[in-house]
Amino acid sequence: MGLKDVIKEADSKLGSKLDSVITGEKKSAEGKVDDAVKEGKAELAKFESMMKDKENELDSVAADIGKKVLACADEGKQFDMSSISDLLDKAKEIKAVISDIAGKIEAFKK
């Protein structure tokens, strides 16, 4: 085997080794990307679930406010806003949490 043949064989082996390293790194990178996408989707689903829970909680508070207003009307009393101030404060807190969650969901979608 001449020097040219030895060089060709070494080049071939080196090329095969580089190909396997590159292919392995590509598969490894693809796996990491897939894992990151799955993790991101799980986080997004968690935030969407939290959003739905908070929206349901806000609906419940709104229903409680409505019930208090209707109870006053049914009794023929003048409605007093102070009777629902605690519920209004709770609604504001829930809306703030919903806004925060919405911002996080939006960040995931960018």
C-alpha atoms as a PDB file:
ATOM      1  CA  MET A   1       0.000   0.000   0.000  1.00  0.00           C
ATOM      2  CA  GLY A   2       1.443   3.292  -1.106  1.00  0.00           C
ATOM      3  CA  LEU A   3       1.469   6.571   0.725  1.00  0.00           C
ATOM      4  CA  LYS A   4      -1.513   7.823  -1.337  1.00  0.00           C
ATOM      5  CA  ASP A   5      -3.533   4.764  -0.315  1.00  0.00           C
ATOM      6  CA  VAL A   6      -2.670   5.208   3.357  1.00  0.00           C
ATOM      7  CA  ILE A   7      -3.676   8.881   3.185  1.00  0.00           C
ATOM      8  CA  LYS A   8      -6.959   8.001   1.408  1.00  0.00           C
ATOM      9  CA  GLU A   9      -7.758   5.347   3.994  1.00  0.00           C
ATOM     10  CA  ALA A  10      -6.942   7.688   6.885  1.00  0.00           C
ATOM     11  CA  ASP A  11      -9.041  10.425   5.254  1.00  0.00           C
ATOM     12  CA  SER A  12     -11.906   7.992   4.793  1.00  0.00           C
ATOM     13  CA  LYS A  13     -11.733   6.858   8.421  1.00  0.00           C
ATOM     14  CA  LEU A  14     -11.510  10.438   9.640  1.00  0.00           C
ATOM     15  CA  GLY A  15     -14.430  11.437   7.418  1.00  0.00           C
ATOM     16  CA  SER A  16     -16.521   8.530   8.720  1.00  0.00           C
ATOM     17  CA  LYS A  17     -15.658   9.446  12.303  1.00  0.00           C
ATOM     18  CA  LEU A  18     -16.564  13.103  11.719  1.00  0.00           C
ATOM     19  CA  ASP A  19     -19.822  12.063  10.059  1.00  0.00           C
ATOM     20  CA  SER A  20     -20.729   9.885  13.029  1.00  0.00           C
ATOM     21  CA  VAL A  21     -19.851  12.666  15.482  1.00  0.00           C
ATOM     22  CA  ILE A  22     -21.838  15.234  13.503  1.00  0.00           C
ATOM     23  CA  THR A  23     -24.801  12.863  13.141  1.00  0.00           C
ATOM     24  CA  GLY A  24     -24.634  12.019  16.843  1.00  0.00           C
ATOM     25  CA  GLU A  25     -24.467  15.681  17.799  1.00  0.00           C
ATOM     26  CA  LYS A  26     -27.356  16.460  15.474  1.00  0.00           C
ATOM     27  CA  LYS A  27     -29.470  13.727  17.034  1.00  0.00           C
ATOM     28  CA  SER A  28     -28.445  14.881  20.493  1.00  0.00           C
ATOM     29  CA  ALA A  29     -29.359  18.478  19.636  1.00  0.00           C
ATOM     30  CA  GLU A  30     -32.668  17.363  18.129  1.00  0.00           C
ATOM     31  CA  GLY A  31     -33.404  15.425  21.309  1.00  0.00           C
ATOM     32  CA  LYS A  32     -32.640  18.473  23.439  1.00  0.00           C
ATOM     33  CA  VAL A  33     -34.872  20.624  21.266  1.00  0.00           C
ATOM     34  CA  ASP A  34     -37.671  18.057  21.484  1.00  0.00           C
ATOM     35  CA  ASP A  35     -37.288  17.934  25.271  1.00  0.00           C
ATOM     36  CA  ALA A  36     -37.390  21.732  25.487  1.00  0.00           C
ATOM     37  CA  VAL A  37     -40.504  21.872  23.302  1.00  0.00           C
ATOM     38  CA  LYS A  38     -42.235  19.248  25.443  1.00  0.00           C
ATOM     39  CA  GLU A  39     -41.261  21.100  28.600  1.00  0.00           C
ATOM     40  CA  GLY A  40     -42.513  24.379  27.135  1.00  0.00           C
ATOM     41  CA  LYS A  41     -45.814  22.809  26.127  1.00  0.00           C
ATOM     42  CA  ALA A  42     -46.236  21.377  29.630  1.00  0.00           C
ATOM     43  CA  GLU A  43     -45.568  24.796  31.175  1.00  0.00           C
ATOM     44  CA  LEU A  44     -47.996  26.446  28.769  1.00  0.00           C
ATOM     45  CA  ALA A  45     -50.675  23.877  29.611  1.00  0.00           C
ATOM     46  CA  LYS A  46     -50.073  24.517  33.322  1.00  0.00           C
ATOM     47  CA  PHE A  47     -50.506  28.275  32.873  1.00  0.00           C
ATOM     48  CA  GLU A  48     -53.624  27.788  30.735  1.00  0.00           C
ATOM     49  CA  SER A  49     -55.093  25.553  33.439  1.00  0.00           C
ATOM     50  CA  MET A  50     -54.268  28.143  36.102  1.00  0.00           C
ATOM     51  CA  MET A  51     -55.910  30.815  33.941  1.00  0.00           C
ATOM     52  CA  LYS A  52     -59.092  28.765  33.615  1.00  0.00           C
ATOM     53  CA  ASP A  53     -59.187  28.170  37.384  1.00  0.00           C
ATOM     54  CA  LYS A  54     -58.787  31.890  38.104  1.00  0.00           C
ATOM     55  CA  GLU A  55     -61.448  32.802  35.541  1.00  0.00           C
ATOM     56  CA  ASN A  56     -63.834  30.363  37.241  1.00  0.00           C
ATOM     57  CA  GLU A  57     -62.953  31.888  40.615  1.00  0.00           C
ATOM     58  CA  LEU A  58     -63.667  35.374  39.239  1.00  0.00           C
ATOM     59  CA  ASP A  59     -67.014  34.168  37.872  1.00  0.00           C
ATOM     60  CA  SER A  60     -67.864  32.821  41.319  1.00  0.00           C
ATOM     61  CA  VAL A  61     -67.002  36.136  43.003  1.00  0.00           C
ATOM     62  CA  ALA A  62     -69.049  38.004  40.390  1.00  0.00           C
ATOM     63  CA  ALA A  63     -71.995  35.698  41.075  1.00  0.00           C
ATOM     64  CA  ASP A  64     -71.667  36.371  44.820  1.00  0.00           C
ATOM     65  CA  ILE A  65     -71.702  40.118  44.132  1.00  0.00           C
ATOM     66  CA  GLY A  66     -74.803  39.728  42.002  1.00  0.00           C
ATOM     67  CA  LYS A  67     -76.545  37.661  44.673  1.00  0.00           C
ATOM     68  CA  LYS A  68     -75.905  40.358  47.288  1.00  0.00           C
ATOM     69  CA  VAL A  69     -77.237  43.066  44.976  1.00  0.00           C
ATOM     70  CA  LEU A  70     -80.337  41.006  44.176  1.00  0.00           C
ATOM     71  CA  ALA A  71     -80.915  40.210  47.854  1.00  0.00           C
ATOM     72  CA  CYS A  72     -81.038  43.929  48.625  1.00  0.00           C
ATOM     73  CA  ALA A  73     -83.404  44.536  45.729  1.00  0.00           C
ATOM     74  CA  ASP A  74     -85.652  41.662  46.842  1.00  0.00           C
ATOM     75  CA  GLU A  75     -85.795  43.084  50.356  1.00  0.00           C
ATOM     76  CA  GLY A  76     -86.553  46.556  48.998  1.00  0.00           C
ATOM     77  CA  LYS A  77     -83.472  47.985  50.624  1.00  0.00           C
ATOM     78  CA  GLN A  78     -81.123  50.598  49.267  1.00  0.00           C
ATOM     79  CA  PHE A  79     -77.988  48.876  48.016  1.00  0.00           C
ATOM     80  CA  ASP A  80     -74.847  49.719  49.965  1.00  0.00           C
ATOM     81  CA  MET A  81     -71.530  49.277  48.093  1.00  0.00           C
ATOM     82  CA  SER A  82     -69.709  48.656  51.376  1.00  0.00           C
ATOM     83  CA  SER A  83     -71.563  45.337  51.645  1.00  0.00           C
ATOM     84  CA  ILE A  84     -69.562  44.006  48.713  1.00  0.00           C
ATOM     85  CA  SER A  85     -66.245  45.811  49.175  1.00  0.00           C
ATOM     86  CA  ASP A  86     -64.488  42.625  50.303  1.00  0.00           C
ATOM     87  CA  LEU A  87     -65.747  40.819  47.196  1.00  0.00           C
ATOM     88  CA  LEU A  88     -64.653  43.691  44.962  1.00  0.00           C
ATOM     89  CA  ASP A  89     -61.171  43.569  46.504  1.00  0.00           C
ATOM     90  CA  LYS A  90     -61.033  39.830  45.922  1.00  0.00           C
ATOM     91  CA  ALA A  91     -62.109  40.331  42.298  1.00  0.00           C
ATOM     92  CA  LYS A  92     -59.324  42.898  41.789  1.00  0.00           C
ATOM     93  CA  GLU A  93     -56.749  40.453  43.173  1.00  0.00           C
ATOM     94  CA  ILE A  94     -57.987  37.683  40.901  1.00  0.00           C
ATOM     95  CA  LYS A  95     -57.893  39.984  37.880  1.00  0.00           C
ATOM     96  CA  ALA A  96     -54.283  40.890  38.692  1.00  0.00           C
ATOM     97  CA  VAL A  97     -53.346  37.205  38.833  1.00  0.00           C
ATOM     98  CA  ILE A  98     -55.170  36.571  35.544  1.00  0.00           C
ATOM     99  CA  SER A  99     -53.270  39.435  33.945  1.00  0.00           C
ATOM    100  CA  ASP A 100     -49.959  38.018  35.192  1.00  0.00           C
ATOM    101  CA  ILE A 101     -50.794  34.549  33.875  1.00  0.00           C
ATOM    102  CA  ALA A 102     -51.913  36.003  30.536  1.00  0.00           C
ATOM    103  CA  GLY A 103     -48.547  37.743  30.229  1.00  0.00           C
ATOM    104  CA  LYS A 104     -46.725  34.469  30.850  1.00  0.00           C
ATOM    105  CA  ILE A 105     -48.873  32.650  28.290  1.00  0.00           C
ATOM    106  CA  GLU A 106     -48.197  35.386  25.755  1.00  0.00           C
ATOM    107  CA  ALA A 107     -44.454  35.106  26.399  1.00  0.00           C
ATOM    108  CA  PHE A 108     -44.608  31.379  25.617  1.00  0.00           C
ATOM    109  CA  LYS A 109     -46.374  32.052  22.330  1.00  0.00           C
ATOM    110  CA  LYS A 110     -43.733  34.502  21.070  1.00  0.00           C
END
